[in-house]
Amino acid sequence: MEGGKRPQPTPQKGVSMSDHSTPHGLPDASRMSEAACQRVQAEITAGHDATNPAFLYSTTATVLLLAIAGGLIDPVALARRDLANRGLDADGTWVGFDRAAQIHGVAR
């Protein structure tokens, strides 16, 4: 943190939060609604450390970062599995574990 400034999240060039196509033929329910997309984007850009993507991997072990960077681990698949394990749909709404697993295309 140079000069005491905290890094602020910045959108990737050419990518917006609304560019959320359904990967690998997952059902349409796995797509975040526009309202949820706007809510999530607002939370990410609010400047809180807990929701700042710049800090997402700050406590992750180097070997895991190397595995992600090398394509050995799919962080999107892991996020979908965790959402399913929490029973949440693509908008963060409780739908139950079985339905969430269906939505995110993961096995229960």
Protein backbone atom coordinates (compact mmCIF):
# COMPACT_ATOMS: atom_id res chain seq x y z
CA MET A 1 0.00 0.00 0.00
CA GLU A 2 1.99 2.91 -1.30
CA GLY A 3 1.26 6.21 0.45
CA GLY A 4 -1.30 4.54 2.73
CA LYS A 5 -3.79 4.12 -0.11
CA ARG A 6 -5.70 0.89 -0.30
CA PRO A 7 -6.06 -0.70 -3.72
CA GLN A 8 -9.49 -0.12 -5.17
CA PRO A 9 -11.17 -2.76 -7.28
CA THR A 10 -11.10 -2.01 -10.97
CA PRO A 11 -13.08 -3.79 -13.64
CA GLN A 12 -11.05 -5.78 -16.13
CA LYS A 13 -10.78 -4.11 -19.52
CA GLY A 14 -13.46 -5.37 -21.85
CA VAL A 15 -15.28 -7.23 -19.07
CA SER A 16 -18.28 -6.00 -17.15
CA MET A 17 -20.14 -7.63 -14.33
CA SER A 18 -23.03 -8.17 -16.75
CA ASP A 19 -20.87 -10.32 -19.06
CA HIS A 20 -21.86 -13.48 -17.22
CA SER A 21 -22.55 -16.08 -19.87
CA THR A 22 -23.46 -19.57 -18.82
CA PRO A 23 -20.28 -21.69 -18.99
CA HIS A 24 -20.23 -25.29 -20.13
CA GLY A 25 -23.96 -25.58 -20.76
CA LEU A 26 -25.11 -24.91 -17.20
CA PRO A 27 -28.83 -24.13 -16.86
CA ASP A 28 -29.94 -20.51 -17.26
CA ALA A 29 -30.66 -20.42 -13.52
CA SER A 30 -26.88 -20.38 -12.97
CA ARG A 31 -26.74 -16.86 -14.43
CA MET A 32 -26.81 -13.93 -12.03
CA SER A 33 -29.80 -11.62 -12.48
CA GLU A 34 -29.11 -8.03 -13.50
CA ALA A 35 -30.37 -6.79 -10.11
CA ALA A 36 -28.02 -9.15 -8.26
CA CYS A 37 -25.19 -8.19 -10.60
CA GLN A 38 -25.67 -4.51 -9.75
CA ARG A 39 -25.89 -5.29 -6.01
CA VAL A 40 -22.69 -7.36 -6.12
CA GLN A 41 -20.85 -4.74 -8.16
CA ALA A 42 -21.89 -2.04 -5.66
CA GLU A 43 -20.62 -4.15 -2.75
CA ILE A 44 -17.33 -4.85 -4.53
CA THR A 45 -16.69 -1.19 -5.28
CA ALA A 46 -17.74 0.07 -1.82
CA GLY A 47 -14.11 0.05 -0.68
CA HIS A 48 -14.39 -2.51 2.13
CA ASP A 49 -11.41 -4.84 2.48
CA ALA A 50 -13.62 -7.91 2.92
CA THR A 51 -15.20 -7.43 -0.51
CA ASN A 52 -12.23 -5.95 -2.38
CA PRO A 53 -11.13 -8.35 -5.14
CA ALA A 54 -7.59 -6.97 -4.85
CA PHE A 55 -7.34 -8.85 -1.54
CA LEU A 56 -9.08 -12.06 -2.66
CA TYR A 57 -5.95 -14.17 -2.77
CA SER A 58 -3.86 -12.31 -0.18
CA THR A 59 -3.93 -15.19 2.32
CA THR A 60 -3.92 -18.00 -0.25
CA ALA A 61 -0.95 -20.36 -0.15
CA THR A 62 1.54 -19.81 -2.97
CA VAL A 63 1.16 -23.38 -4.21
CA LEU A 64 -2.59 -22.80 -4.70
CA LEU A 65 -1.95 -19.53 -6.53
CA LEU A 66 0.49 -21.35 -8.80
CA ALA A 67 -2.07 -24.09 -9.42
CA ILE A 68 -4.74 -21.52 -10.32
CA ALA A 69 -2.37 -19.55 -12.57
CA GLY A 70 -1.25 -22.79 -14.22
CA GLY A 71 -4.81 -23.92 -14.90
CA LEU A 72 -4.64 -26.86 -12.50
CA ILE A 73 -7.44 -25.47 -10.34
CA ASP A 74 -10.60 -23.81 -11.66
CA PRO A 75 -11.55 -21.01 -9.23
CA VAL A 76 -14.97 -20.56 -10.91
CA ALA A 77 -15.80 -24.24 -10.36
CA LEU A 78 -14.70 -23.93 -6.72
CA ALA A 79 -16.88 -20.84 -6.24
CA ARG A 80 -19.87 -22.67 -7.75
CA ARG A 81 -19.26 -25.64 -5.47
CA ASP A 82 -19.11 -23.38 -2.41
CA LEU A 83 -22.32 -21.59 -3.44
CA ALA A 84 -24.01 -24.99 -3.83
CA ASN A 85 -22.64 -26.09 -0.44
CA ARG A 86 -24.24 -22.97 1.06
CA GLY A 87 -27.54 -23.74 -0.71
CA LEU A 88 -27.46 -20.47 -2.67
CA ASP A 89 -28.51 -19.76 -6.25
CA ALA A 90 -26.64 -17.44 -8.63
CA ASP A 91 -28.21 -14.40 -6.92
CA GLY A 92 -27.21 -15.48 -3.41
CA THR A 93 -30.74 -16.51 -2.49
CA TRP A 94 -31.28 -19.62 -0.36
CA VAL A 95 -32.79 -22.36 -2.55
CA GLY A 96 -31.64 -25.46 -0.67
CA PHE A 97 -28.66 -27.70 -1.22
CA ASP A 98 -30.10 -29.99 -3.89
CA ARG A 99 -31.48 -27.14 -6.03
CA ALA A 100 -28.26 -25.13 -5.64
CA ALA A 101 -26.22 -28.15 -6.78
CA GLN A 102 -28.44 -28.39 -9.87
CA ILE A 103 -28.13 -24.66 -10.59
CA HIS A 104 -24.35 -24.65 -10.31
CA GLY A 105 -23.83 -27.98 -12.06
CA VAL A 106 -22.08 -29.72 -9.19
CA ALA A 107 -22.59 -33.16 -7.69
CA ARG A 108 -24.04 -33.49 -4.19
